[in-house]
Protein backbone atom coordinates (compact mmCIF):
# COMPACT_ATOMS: atom_id res chain seq x y z
CA MET A 1 -35.22 0.90 141.28
CA LYS A 2 -38.86 1.86 142.26
CA VAL A 3 -41.52 0.86 139.55
CA THR A 4 -45.28 2.02 139.46
CA LEU A 5 -47.66 -0.60 138.42
CA ASP A 6 -51.45 -0.39 137.92
CA LEU A 7 -52.18 -4.00 139.38
CA ASP A 8 -55.71 -3.81 138.30
CA LYS A 9 -54.91 -3.07 134.69
CA LEU A 10 -52.24 -5.77 134.81
CA ARG A 11 -54.76 -8.19 136.22
CA ALA A 12 -57.42 -7.52 133.70
CA GLN A 13 -55.08 -7.85 130.61
CA GLY A 14 -53.84 -11.04 132.03
CA ASP A 15 -50.11 -9.83 132.46
CA ILE A 16 -50.20 -11.20 136.06
CA THR A 17 -52.12 -13.85 138.02
CA GLN A 18 -54.66 -13.69 140.54
CA GLY A 19 -51.93 -14.87 143.10
CA GLU A 20 -49.51 -12.29 141.90
CA TYR A 21 -52.21 -9.66 142.13
CA VAL A 22 -53.00 -10.48 145.96
CA ARG A 23 -49.44 -10.75 146.86
CA LEU A 24 -48.52 -7.65 145.09
CA LEU A 25 -51.42 -5.81 146.53
CA ALA A 26 -50.50 -6.91 149.91
CA CYS A 27 -46.99 -5.38 149.60
CA ALA A 28 -48.15 -2.13 148.40
CA GLU A 29 -50.72 -1.94 151.26
CA ARG A 30 -47.70 -2.31 153.91
CA SER A 31 -45.80 0.36 151.96
CA THR A 32 -48.56 2.88 152.26
CA THR A 33 -49.17 2.02 156.06
CA HIS A 34 -45.24 2.78 156.69
CA LEU A 35 -45.88 5.99 154.52
CA ALA A 36 -48.60 7.23 156.61
CA LEU A 37 -46.97 6.53 159.96
CA SER A 38 -43.91 8.02 158.85
CA ILE A 39 -45.53 11.24 158.01
CA ILE A 40 -47.59 11.32 161.18
CA LEU A 41 -44.64 10.80 163.11
CA ALA A 42 -42.67 13.53 161.29
CA PHE A 43 -45.40 16.00 161.90
CA GLY A 44 -45.35 15.26 165.74
CA ILE A 45 -41.58 15.47 165.74
CA LEU A 46 -41.87 18.72 164.17
CA ILE A 47 -44.47 19.99 166.47
CA VAL A 48 -42.23 19.23 169.23
CA ALA A 49 -39.05 20.61 167.81
CA GLY A 50 -41.14 23.88 167.37
CA GLY A 51 -42.26 23.86 170.68
CA ALA A 52 -38.58 23.28 172.06
CA LEU A 53 -37.34 26.23 169.93
CA MET A 54 -39.90 28.59 171.23
CA LEU A 55 -39.08 27.61 174.74
CA PHE A 56 -35.28 28.31 174.09
CA PRO A 57 -35.26 30.77 171.01
CA SER A 58 -31.60 30.71 170.38
CA PRO A 59 -29.28 29.78 167.63
CA VAL A 60 -27.64 27.24 170.15
CA ALA A 61 -30.93 25.48 170.65
CA ALA A 62 -31.20 25.22 167.21
CA ILE A 63 -27.92 23.75 166.67
CA ALA A 64 -28.24 21.16 169.25
CA MET A 65 -31.89 20.29 167.86
CA GLY A 66 -30.74 19.85 164.38
CA ALA A 67 -27.80 17.92 165.33
CA VAL A 68 -30.16 15.40 167.41
CA LEU A 69 -32.33 15.01 164.35
CA VAL A 70 -29.68 14.42 161.68
CA VAL A 71 -28.01 11.97 163.99
CA VAL A 72 -31.44 9.86 164.21
CA GLY A 73 -32.48 10.60 160.64
CA ILE A 74 -29.15 9.48 158.88
CA PRO A 75 -29.51 5.81 159.68
CA LEU A 76 -33.22 5.75 158.88
CA SER A 77 -32.97 7.38 155.64
CA ARG A 78 -30.29 5.21 154.06
CA ARG A 79 -31.50 3.79 151.13
CA ALA A 80 -30.68 -0.08 152.25
CA GLN A 81 -33.03 0.67 155.10
CA ALA A 82 -36.58 -0.68 153.89
CA VAL A 83 -38.94 0.16 156.80
CA TRP A 84 -38.61 3.99 157.67
CA PRO A 85 -36.87 5.75 154.79
CA VAL A 86 -39.29 8.38 154.57
CA LEU A 87 -39.33 9.32 158.25
CA GLY A 88 -35.39 9.21 158.22
CA SER A 89 -35.40 11.78 154.89
CA ILE A 90 -37.56 13.90 156.64
CA LEU A 91 -35.73 14.33 160.19
CA LEU A 92 -32.58 14.54 158.24
CA VAL A 93 -33.85 17.43 156.02
CA LEU A 94 -35.47 19.27 158.97
CA GLY A 95 -32.63 18.59 161.26
CA ALA A 96 -29.77 19.86 158.41
CA ILE A 97 -31.81 23.01 158.10
CA LEU A 98 -32.00 23.83 161.84
CA LEU A 99 -28.53 22.93 162.10
CA CYS A 100 -27.32 25.66 159.33
CA GLU A 101 -29.93 28.20 160.45
CA GLY A 102 -28.47 28.09 163.89
CA ILE A 103 -25.03 28.30 162.40
CA LEU A 104 -25.79 31.29 159.86
CA ARG A 105 -27.75 33.07 162.65
CA THR A 106 -24.58 32.64 165.18
CA THR A 107 -21.98 33.77 162.27
CA MET A 108 -23.82 36.34 160.43
CA VAL A 109 -23.89 38.82 163.62
CA LEU A 110 -20.10 38.66 164.19
CA SER A 111 -19.18 40.32 160.70
CA ALA A 112 -19.48 39.96 156.83
CA ASP A 113 -16.59 37.58 156.90
CA GLY A 114 -18.45 35.63 159.55
CA ALA A 115 -21.47 35.41 157.13
CA ILE A 116 -19.31 34.40 154.29
CA LEU A 117 -17.81 31.44 156.68
CA GLY A 118 -21.34 30.44 157.96
CA HIS A 119 -22.38 29.86 154.51
CA LEU A 120 -19.32 28.00 153.62
CA GLY A 121 -19.76 25.81 156.78
CA SER A 122 -23.26 25.04 156.43
CA ALA A 123 -22.79 24.02 152.66
CA ALA A 124 -20.11 21.85 154.11
CA ILE A 125 -22.53 20.33 156.69
CA LEU A 126 -25.51 19.71 154.02
CA ALA A 127 -22.87 18.09 151.46
CA LEU A 128 -21.77 15.76 154.46
CA CYS A 129 -25.53 15.09 155.36
CA ALA A 130 -26.38 14.34 151.76
CA VAL A 131 -23.60 11.77 151.32
CA LEU A 132 -24.27 9.89 154.56
CA GLY A 133 -27.94 10.04 154.49
CA ASP A 134 -28.05 9.76 150.62
CA SER A 135 -30.43 12.81 149.98
CA GLY A 136 -30.29 14.46 146.63
CA LEU A 137 -32.15 17.25 148.20
CA LEU A 138 -29.57 18.27 150.50
CA ALA A 139 -26.85 18.05 147.78
CA ALA A 140 -28.66 20.46 145.78
CA GLY A 141 -29.25 22.81 148.90
CA SER A 142 -25.37 22.79 149.73
CA VAL A 143 -24.69 24.23 146.26
CA CYS A 144 -27.38 26.95 146.93
CA LEU A 145 -25.50 27.93 150.26
CA LEU A 146 -22.19 28.06 147.91
CA LEU A 147 -24.33 30.95 146.13
CA GLY A 148 -25.09 33.06 149.36
CA ALA A 149 -21.30 32.78 150.35
CA LEU A 150 -20.79 34.65 147.00
CA GLY A 151 -23.33 37.23 148.01
CA SER A 152 -26.36 36.16 146.08
CA TRP A 153 -29.88 35.90 147.54
CA THR A 154 -33.44 35.69 146.71
CA GLY A 155 -36.46 37.46 147.71
CA TYR A 156 -40.44 37.91 147.31
CA GLY A 157 -42.49 40.97 147.80
CA SER A 158 -45.69 42.45 146.43
CA GLY A 159 -46.31 39.56 143.91
CA ALA A 160 -42.62 39.94 142.63
CA TYR A 161 -39.90 37.43 142.69
CA MET A 162 -36.27 38.67 143.51
CA LEU A 163 -32.99 37.11 142.49
CA CYS A 164 -29.91 38.86 143.20
CA ILE A 165 -26.33 37.68 141.89
CA SER A 166 -23.95 40.19 142.97
CA GLN A 167 -20.92 38.78 141.47
CA PRO A 168 -21.70 37.33 137.95
CA ILE A 169 -18.26 36.74 136.83
CA ALA A 170 -17.22 34.96 140.13
CA THR A 171 -20.55 32.91 140.12
CA ILE A 172 -19.94 31.47 136.44
CA VAL A 173 -16.49 30.83 137.18
CA ALA A 174 -16.82 29.12 140.34
CA PHE A 175 -19.77 27.05 139.61
CA SER A 176 -18.62 26.08 136.16
CA ALA A 177 -15.20 24.68 137.86
CA LEU A 178 -17.42 23.01 140.76
CA ALA A 179 -19.66 21.10 137.74
CA ALA A 180 -16.65 20.31 135.77
CA GLY A 181 -14.72 18.70 138.94
CA LEU A 182 -17.65 16.86 139.90
CA LEU A 183 -18.28 15.39 136.43
CA ALA A 184 -14.65 14.62 136.17
CA ALA A 185 -14.86 12.80 139.48
CA LEU A 186 -18.22 10.78 138.92
CA PRO A 187 -16.17 7.71 137.19
CA HIS A 188 -13.71 7.47 140.24
CA LEU A 189 -16.40 7.73 143.18
CA PRO A 190 -18.09 4.78 144.77
CA GLU A 191 -21.48 3.77 143.17
CA ALA A 192 -23.41 5.01 146.12
CA HIS A 193 -22.07 8.53 145.91
CA ARG A 194 -22.52 9.19 142.01
CA ARG A 195 -26.03 9.87 142.48
CA ILE A 196 -25.34 12.97 145.07
CA ALA A 197 -22.36 13.93 143.02
CA ARG A 198 -24.45 14.11 139.93
CA ILE A 199 -27.21 15.99 141.54
CA ALA A 200 -24.66 18.59 143.06
CA GLY A 201 -23.27 18.93 139.55
CA CYS A 202 -26.33 19.56 137.99
CA MET A 203 -27.12 22.26 140.52
CA ALA A 204 -23.89 23.78 139.87
CA VAL A 205 -24.81 24.05 136.17
CA VAL A 206 -28.04 25.85 137.20
CA ALA A 207 -25.99 28.53 139.28
CA ALA A 208 -23.53 29.15 136.51
CA ASN A 209 -26.44 29.64 134.20
CA LEU A 210 -28.19 32.02 136.78
CA GLY A 211 -24.78 34.14 136.73
CA PHE A 212 -24.96 34.25 132.96
CA TRP A 213 -28.38 35.37 133.16
CA VAL A 214 -28.04 38.15 135.51
CA GLY A 215 -24.62 39.20 133.53
CA SER A 216 -26.61 39.22 130.16
CA ILE A 217 -28.85 41.84 131.65
CA TRP A 218 -26.58 44.10 133.94
CA GLY A 219 -23.02 43.26 132.85
CA GLY A 220 -20.40 42.25 135.25
CA GLU A 221 -19.49 43.58 138.79
CA GLN A 222 -15.80 44.55 137.93
CA ARG A 223 -15.02 47.97 136.72
CA GLY A 224 -15.46 48.35 132.86
CA LEU A 225 -17.79 45.48 132.28
CA HIS A 226 -21.01 47.22 133.45
CA ASP A 227 -21.73 48.01 129.76
CA GLN A 228 -20.73 44.50 128.74
CA ALA A 229 -23.99 42.88 129.19
CA HIS A 230 -24.16 42.11 125.21
CA LEU A 231 -20.72 40.12 125.79
CA PHE A 232 -22.34 37.99 128.27
CA ALA A 233 -25.40 37.51 126.11
CA MET A 234 -23.18 36.30 123.12
CA ILE A 235 -20.93 33.97 125.37
CA TRP A 236 -23.88 32.30 127.06
CA ALA A 237 -25.72 31.84 123.61
CA ILE A 238 -22.77 29.99 122.27
CA LEU A 239 -22.17 27.99 125.42
CA LEU A 240 -26.11 26.95 125.43
CA LEU A 241 -25.86 25.97 121.72
CA GLY A 242 -22.79 23.99 122.55
CA ALA A 243 -24.30 22.28 125.32
CA LEU A 244 -27.45 21.48 123.37
CA GLY A 245 -25.38 20.00 120.52
CA PHE A 246 -23.43 18.24 122.97
CA GLY A 247 -26.36 16.51 124.99
CA ILE A 248 -28.07 15.55 121.87
CA GLN A 249 -24.94 13.82 120.71
CA ARG A 250 -24.60 11.92 123.98
CA ASN A 251 -28.29 11.30 124.43
CA ASP A 252 -28.15 13.11 127.73
CA ARG A 253 -31.78 14.22 128.14
CA TRP A 254 -31.00 16.17 131.31
CA LEU A 255 -28.34 18.23 129.52
CA VAL A 256 -30.62 18.71 126.73
CA ASN A 257 -33.48 19.99 128.56
CA ALA A 258 -31.22 22.26 130.93
CA ALA A 259 -29.91 23.90 127.90
CA ALA A 260 -33.26 24.38 126.09
CA VAL A 261 -34.83 25.77 129.21
CA PHE A 262 -31.97 28.48 129.70
CA ALA A 263 -31.70 29.02 125.94
CA SER A 264 -35.54 29.88 126.31
CA ILE A 265 -35.04 32.20 129.30
CA HIS A 266 -31.97 33.96 127.40
CA LEU A 267 -34.04 34.47 123.93
CA TYR A 268 -37.21 35.89 125.67
CA THR A 269 -34.92 38.14 128.10
CA GLN A 270 -33.24 39.53 125.13
CA TRP A 271 -36.45 39.66 123.04
CA PHE A 272 -38.50 41.79 125.46
CA ALA A 273 -34.99 44.16 126.29
CA LEU A 274 -34.99 44.76 122.57
CA VAL A 275 -38.72 44.81 121.51
CA GLN A 276 -41.21 46.79 123.52
CA PHE A 277 -43.45 44.78 125.67
CA SER A 278 -46.99 44.73 123.79
CA ALA A 279 -49.72 42.52 123.18
CA PRO A 280 -48.16 41.62 119.58
CA SER A 281 -44.60 40.88 120.90
CA VAL A 282 -46.10 38.90 123.77
CA ILE A 283 -48.17 36.91 121.14
CA VAL A 284 -45.01 36.23 119.14
CA ALA A 285 -43.18 35.11 122.03
CA GLY A 286 -45.84 33.02 123.23
CA ILE A 287 -46.09 31.09 119.63
CA GLY A 288 -42.31 30.80 119.41
CA LEU A 289 -42.16 29.18 122.88
CA ILE A 290 -45.29 26.85 121.94
CA VAL A 291 -43.16 25.50 119.05
CA LEU A 292 -40.00 25.32 120.90
CA ALA A 293 -41.70 23.21 123.42
CA GLY A 294 -43.28 21.14 121.04
CA GLY A 295 -39.83 20.24 119.24
CA PHE A 296 -38.37 19.41 122.60
CA LEU A 297 -41.45 17.45 123.63
CA ALA A 298 -41.17 15.27 120.47
CA TRP A 299 -37.33 14.70 121.07
CA ASN A 300 -38.26 13.72 124.65
CA ARG A 301 -40.47 11.12 123.41
CA SER A 302 -38.22 9.82 120.69
CA MET A 303 -35.67 9.31 123.60
CA MET A 304 -37.99 7.40 125.67
CA ARG A 305 -38.66 5.06 122.68
CA ALA A 306 -35.06 4.60 121.73
CA PRO A 307 -32.82 1.46 123.10
CA ALA A 308 -31.52 2.01 126.50
CA ALA A 309 -28.00 3.44 126.42
CA THR A 310 -25.30 3.78 129.08
CA PRO A 311 -26.02 6.68 131.28
CA GLN A 312 -24.23 9.99 130.84
CA ALA A 313 -23.27 12.15 133.67
CA PRO A 314 -24.88 15.61 133.20
């Protein structure tokens, strides 16, 4: 557990003695020194890796470089290792990205099926690196790669951000099942792996909601469902309300906040789909969002003041 303390304030209030202040300050200075050195070393290694890939611009070189960085980064990034965890995490993430990028470039030139296999293989590699290196970021990234295996992609151009979910129904079913499976497996996993599984489950919930979002606008990909966007919208609204109530009942702040965020997205997507975009409609939408945000801010503060409860899985 990491705790952030204002040592000057604690000393001024008399909560710690001068001796404790000096000892804690020395510990903080050592930690800051290691952080600075880790960042400098990481940038140096990044530059060297970039130069090597410029000399040998091939997927094989990317795979080899990524594998080396992963092997070096995993032991350094373990939480039990107290000296270079930041450096290890940076090397692990960089190496995993290079490794997966090389695999994707190799498989995508083969065929469409090769691209799917590349996404699935890369997702498995990120998941393995996440478990071995205790990286929540890589756990979330592995779920994103599974989205890519279903043909989903994101893009940016001319000030516009794009999200494509080509198979909303398959996305909803697959990631709902993944989230449910991870949730059911949590009590049976070793304590060291529960955090990683929980993060992956949270990302799967996000992916399923993205499928509902696209489906509520464009309908499904199967014939006969293209005009059924309202069906997606109704089912999504019911599930979000159920998740909101379930989260409140279990005092699960993550689930409540996630349901609130996607409920807001759903509400305003439907609002501007039904009501013409204009200054009055934007003002009404903004007022509603402020009221909704104020309500959930008050709920979050009440949860923070409440006695600690048994942690619940998302």
